[in-house]
Amino acid sequence: MTRAVWALVLTVLYLFLLAPILIVLVESFDTSTYLRFPPEGFSLDAYRQVFANDAFREGFKVSGITAAVTALLAMVTGVPAALALSRLRFRGRSAIEAVFLSPLLVPHIVLGLALLLIMAPIPLTDTYWGLILAHLGVTVPYVVRTVSAALVSADPRAEEAARTLGANGLRTFWRITLPTIRPGLLSGGVIAFLLSFDETVISLFVSGQHTVPLPVAVLQYVEYRSDPSVASLSVLLVLLSVVVVVLVERGLGLRRTLRS
């Protein structure tokens, strides 16, 4: 195939991927009282409705708190797991790796139902900690992967030299290992934050009346209404994700970390 044909194929592919986002962006400025395309007119009323909606504001707070704590705990638990799987050789290592990968392979609706059956008797449903623990299961594997990728490029001889010079394990980790894995760790934390913030299926099973994350609040809203404010909220969420990823890319080199 010639270069022109490849360029045409790639252009069509990008248009196919970007078309839904572009349509939602245009629809977010519609003046109509219901979703329709093309829009009747253009205004910022739908964005004002988003910020005036109590359910959306509360959902944003719940999702923000849940995602922040989930990302922090995912980093705290993901680092020792990645260190153990990358540096140690022990019986059952493959099985433990499979356990960490299982949340990525099992459908979220199955995980959500299982978590509901486990959490309901405790009870942890309709609580922040229930949401956080549920989201940890699907975010920790990403932190383990990004930290493991960073450890591949690390030189174990630097850690051995530090221990030879008298540094204990904690000091060696703090001074040598942590700076080495910091890009992978923070990149994994950002991925965990975005995944937790956007998690819908599992949140449907473990949330309730008092802790309603934003994705669940949006689903409850569109169940009875379909107006441009939903499109406006979608645009704001896309912008939030883009801003976070761009900041991480500029500060840490997210693409270089993931490629490694």
Protein backbone atom coordinates (compact mmCIF):
# COMPACT_ATOMS: atom_id res chain seq x y z
CA MET A 1 0.00 0.00 0.00
CA THR A 2 1.22 3.48 -0.83
CA ARG A 3 1.84 6.21 1.73
CA ALA A 4 -1.26 8.09 0.53
CA VAL A 5 -3.47 5.04 1.12
CA TRP A 6 -2.04 4.55 4.62
CA ALA A 7 -2.62 8.23 5.37
CA LEU A 8 -6.23 7.91 4.21
CA VAL A 9 -6.78 4.78 6.33
CA LEU A 10 -5.31 6.45 9.42
CA THR A 11 -7.39 9.58 8.83
CA VAL A 12 -10.60 7.56 8.60
CA LEU A 13 -9.63 5.59 11.71
CA TYR A 14 -8.94 8.75 13.73
CA LEU A 15 -12.19 10.31 12.55
CA PHE A 16 -14.06 7.16 13.59
CA LEU A 17 -12.47 7.30 17.06
CA LEU A 18 -12.87 11.05 17.55
CA ALA A 19 -16.35 11.45 16.02
CA PRO A 20 -18.27 10.53 19.22
CA ILE A 21 -16.23 13.00 21.27
CA LEU A 22 -16.71 15.75 18.68
CA ILE A 23 -20.46 15.11 18.53
CA VAL A 24 -20.72 15.25 22.33
CA LEU A 25 -18.65 18.46 22.35
CA VAL A 26 -20.97 20.13 19.85
CA GLU A 27 -24.08 18.83 21.63
CA SER A 28 -22.84 20.22 24.98
CA PHE A 29 -23.58 23.75 23.71
CA ASP A 30 -27.11 22.92 22.49
CA THR A 31 -29.98 25.13 23.61
CA SER A 32 -32.56 22.34 23.27
CA THR A 33 -34.20 20.69 26.28
CA TYR A 34 -33.28 17.22 25.02
CA LEU A 35 -30.34 15.64 23.22
CA ARG A 36 -30.54 16.01 19.46
CA PHE A 37 -28.10 16.37 16.60
CA PRO A 38 -27.52 18.75 14.98
CA PRO A 39 -28.16 21.21 17.83
CA GLU A 40 -30.80 23.92 17.65
CA GLY A 41 -28.45 26.66 18.86
CA PHE A 42 -25.37 27.33 20.94
CA SER A 43 -25.09 28.54 24.53
CA LEU A 44 -23.42 27.76 27.86
CA ASP A 45 -26.69 27.01 29.65
CA ALA A 46 -26.00 23.27 29.80
CA TYR A 47 -22.69 23.90 31.58
CA ARG A 48 -24.44 26.16 34.09
CA GLN A 49 -26.95 23.37 34.74
CA VAL A 50 -24.11 20.94 35.47
CA PHE A 51 -22.60 23.19 38.15
CA ALA A 52 -26.05 23.91 39.60
CA ASN A 53 -27.00 20.22 39.87
CA ASP A 54 -26.66 19.01 43.48
CA ALA A 55 -26.46 15.35 42.48
CA PHE A 56 -23.56 16.02 40.11
CA ARG A 57 -21.68 18.12 42.68
CA GLU A 58 -22.12 15.47 45.36
CA GLY A 59 -21.16 12.73 42.92
CA PHE A 60 -18.02 14.63 41.97
CA LYS A 61 -17.07 14.89 45.65
CA VAL A 62 -17.67 11.18 46.28
CA SER A 63 -15.74 10.16 43.16
CA GLY A 64 -12.90 12.57 43.93
CA ILE A 65 -12.43 11.35 47.51
CA THR A 66 -12.78 7.70 46.51
CA ALA A 67 -10.36 8.01 43.59
CA ALA A 68 -7.75 9.92 45.61
CA VAL A 69 -7.71 7.43 48.49
CA THR A 70 -7.85 4.49 46.09
CA ALA A 71 -4.86 5.80 44.12
CA LEU A 72 -2.86 6.37 47.31
CA LEU A 73 -3.59 2.89 48.68
CA ALA A 74 -2.96 1.33 45.27
CA MET A 75 0.51 2.88 45.25
CA VAL A 76 1.22 1.81 48.83
CA THR A 77 0.21 -1.81 48.15
CA GLY A 78 1.44 -1.98 44.57
CA VAL A 79 5.08 -1.13 45.33
CA PRO A 80 5.86 -4.06 47.66
CA ALA A 81 3.96 -6.40 45.34
CA ALA A 82 5.96 -5.23 42.33
CA LEU A 83 9.24 -5.48 44.26
CA ALA A 84 8.44 -9.01 45.39
CA LEU A 85 7.37 -10.20 41.94
CA SER A 86 10.29 -8.51 40.17
CA ARG A 87 13.17 -9.20 42.56
CA LEU A 88 12.30 -12.43 44.36
CA ARG A 89 12.08 -15.97 43.07
CA PHE A 90 9.83 -18.17 45.16
CA ARG A 91 7.37 -21.02 44.81
CA GLY A 92 3.92 -19.84 43.80
CA ARG A 93 5.17 -16.65 42.17
CA SER A 94 3.27 -17.35 38.95
CA ALA A 95 0.07 -18.00 40.89
CA ILE A 96 0.40 -14.68 42.72
CA GLU A 97 0.99 -12.89 39.41
CA ALA A 98 -2.18 -14.53 38.09
CA VAL A 99 -4.10 -13.28 41.14
CA PHE A 100 -2.95 -9.72 40.46
CA LEU A 101 -3.99 -10.03 36.82
CA SER A 102 -7.35 -11.67 37.50
CA PRO A 103 -9.29 -8.41 38.10
CA LEU A 104 -8.24 -7.31 34.61
CA LEU A 105 -9.54 -10.52 33.05
CA VAL A 106 -12.79 -11.02 34.97
CA PRO A 107 -15.78 -8.94 33.74
CA HIS A 108 -16.56 -6.07 36.10
CA ILE A 109 -20.18 -7.15 36.42
CA VAL A 110 -18.95 -10.46 37.89
CA LEU A 111 -16.60 -8.64 40.27
CA GLY A 112 -19.36 -6.25 41.26
CA LEU A 113 -21.78 -9.05 42.09
CA ALA A 114 -19.11 -10.92 44.07
CA LEU A 115 -18.20 -7.78 46.02
CA LEU A 116 -21.86 -7.11 46.76
CA LEU A 117 -22.29 -10.60 48.20
CA ILE A 118 -19.16 -10.18 50.33
CA MET A 119 -19.75 -6.60 51.51
CA ALA A 120 -23.50 -6.63 52.14
CA PRO A 121 -23.39 -8.74 55.35
CA ILE A 122 -20.47 -6.76 56.90
CA PRO A 123 -21.89 -4.14 55.93
CA LEU A 124 -19.60 -2.12 53.65
CA THR A 125 -22.01 -1.26 50.88
CA ASP A 126 -23.02 2.40 50.58
CA THR A 127 -19.82 3.52 52.34
CA TYR A 128 -16.64 5.22 51.20
CA TRP A 129 -14.51 2.31 52.38
CA GLY A 130 -16.65 -0.13 50.45
CA LEU A 131 -16.11 1.85 47.25
CA ILE A 132 -12.39 2.21 47.95
CA LEU A 133 -11.83 -1.48 48.63
CA ALA A 134 -13.84 -2.43 45.56
CA HIS A 135 -11.86 -0.07 43.34
CA LEU A 136 -8.54 -1.27 44.74
CA GLY A 137 -9.11 -4.65 43.16
CA VAL A 138 -9.09 -3.17 39.65
CA THR A 139 -6.44 -0.46 40.16
CA VAL A 140 -3.62 -2.21 42.04
CA PRO A 141 -2.71 -4.40 39.00
CA TYR A 142 -1.96 -1.26 36.97
CA VAL A 143 0.33 0.12 39.66
CA VAL A 144 2.10 -3.24 39.89
CA ARG A 145 2.64 -3.21 36.12
CA THR A 146 3.97 0.35 35.89
CA VAL A 147 6.27 -0.09 38.90
CA SER A 148 7.49 -3.44 37.54
CA ALA A 149 8.28 -1.72 34.23
CA ALA A 150 10.29 0.92 36.08
CA LEU A 151 12.17 -1.77 38.02
CA VAL A 152 13.25 -3.43 34.77
CA SER A 153 15.39 -0.39 33.95
CA ALA A 154 16.75 -0.12 37.51
CA ASP A 155 20.28 -1.34 38.32
CA PRO A 156 20.21 -3.74 41.31
CA ARG A 157 23.93 -3.12 41.80
CA ALA A 158 23.18 0.38 43.13
CA GLU A 159 21.04 -1.13 45.88
CA GLU A 160 23.71 -3.74 46.62
CA ALA A 161 26.35 -1.00 46.86
CA ALA A 162 24.19 0.98 49.28
CA ARG A 163 23.72 -2.08 51.52
CA THR A 164 27.44 -2.81 51.34
CA LEU A 165 28.14 0.72 52.60
CA GLY A 166 25.94 0.11 55.63
CA ALA A 167 22.50 1.37 54.58
CA ASN A 168 19.63 -0.68 55.93
CA GLY A 169 16.74 -1.90 53.78
CA LEU A 170 14.48 1.09 54.46
CA ARG A 171 17.20 3.65 53.77
CA THR A 172 18.21 1.83 50.58
CA PHE A 173 14.62 1.85 49.40
CA TRP A 174 14.13 5.54 50.24
CA ARG A 175 17.39 6.78 48.73
CA ILE A 176 17.97 4.39 45.81
CA THR A 177 14.88 2.38 44.84
CA LEU A 178 12.14 4.98 45.28
CA PRO A 179 13.75 7.67 43.07
CA THR A 180 14.22 5.01 40.38
CA ILE A 181 10.60 3.83 40.38
CA ARG A 182 9.06 7.25 41.04
CA PRO A 183 7.93 7.89 37.41
CA GLY A 184 6.33 4.44 37.19
CA LEU A 185 4.79 4.77 40.64
CA LEU A 186 3.22 8.17 39.99
CA SER A 187 2.09 7.14 36.52
CA GLY A 188 0.41 4.09 38.02
CA GLY A 189 -1.16 6.30 40.68
CA VAL A 190 -2.61 8.61 38.04
CA ILE A 191 -3.98 5.66 36.08
CA ALA A 192 -5.50 4.29 39.30
CA PHE A 193 -7.08 7.68 40.05
CA LEU A 194 -8.64 7.98 36.58
CA LEU A 195 -9.87 4.37 36.59
CA SER A 196 -11.43 4.74 40.03
CA PHE A 197 -13.02 8.08 39.16
CA ASP A 198 -14.56 6.60 36.01
CA GLU A 199 -15.54 3.18 37.44
CA THR A 200 -19.23 2.57 36.86
CA VAL A 201 -20.18 -1.12 36.90
CA ILE A 202 -18.59 -2.08 40.23
CA SER A 203 -19.77 1.19 41.79
CA LEU A 204 -23.35 0.35 40.83
CA PHE A 205 -23.20 -2.77 43.01
CA VAL A 206 -21.51 -1.33 46.12
CA SER A 207 -22.82 2.25 46.22
CA GLY A 208 -26.13 3.37 47.69
CA GLN A 209 -28.13 6.43 48.66
CA HIS A 210 -25.40 8.08 50.75
CA THR A 211 -22.33 7.46 48.55
CA VAL A 212 -23.23 7.94 44.90
CA PRO A 213 -20.18 8.33 42.63
CA LEU A 214 -20.44 10.64 39.65
CA PRO A 215 -20.77 7.91 36.97
CA VAL A 216 -23.66 6.37 38.91
CA ALA A 217 -25.25 9.80 39.39
CA VAL A 218 -25.07 10.34 35.62
CA LEU A 219 -26.73 6.98 34.94
CA GLN A 220 -29.50 7.80 37.41
CA TYR A 221 -29.96 11.18 35.74
CA VAL A 222 -30.22 9.90 32.16
CA GLU A 223 -32.65 7.20 33.27
CA TYR A 224 -35.36 9.88 33.42
CA ARG A 225 -33.88 12.85 31.50
CA SER A 226 -31.82 13.30 28.37
CA ASP A 227 -30.69 16.90 27.97
CA PRO A 228 -27.46 18.61 26.86
CA SER A 229 -26.18 18.92 30.45
CA VAL A 230 -25.16 15.24 30.23
CA ALA A 231 -23.03 16.08 27.19
CA SER A 232 -21.55 19.07 29.00
CA LEU A 233 -20.60 16.93 31.98
CA SER A 234 -19.02 14.38 29.64
CA VAL A 235 -16.89 17.12 28.06
CA LEU A 236 -15.76 18.32 31.49
CA LEU A 237 -14.76 14.79 32.49
CA VAL A 238 -12.78 14.33 29.27
CA LEU A 239 -11.03 17.64 29.92
CA LEU A 240 -10.21 16.54 33.47
CA SER A 241 -8.62 13.33 32.19
CA VAL A 242 -6.68 15.17 29.49
CA VAL A 243 -5.36 17.77 31.93
CA VAL A 244 -4.22 15.13 34.41
CA VAL A 245 -2.50 13.03 31.73
CA VAL A 246 -0.82 16.08 30.14
CA LEU A 247 0.51 17.24 33.51
CA VAL A 248 1.91 13.80 34.25
CA GLU A 249 3.39 13.51 30.76
CA ARG A 250 5.11 16.88 31.05
CA GLY A 251 6.39 16.20 34.56
CA LEU A 252 7.25 12.52 34.43
CA GLY A 253 7.27 11.32 30.84
CA LEU A 254 4.30 8.94 31.05
CA ARG A 255 4.79 7.59 27.52
CA ARG A 256 8.45 6.78 28.17
CA THR A 257 7.53 5.01 31.40
CA LEU A 258 4.80 2.91 29.78
CA ARG A 259 6.98 2.08 26.79
CA SER A 260 9.70 0.77 29.07
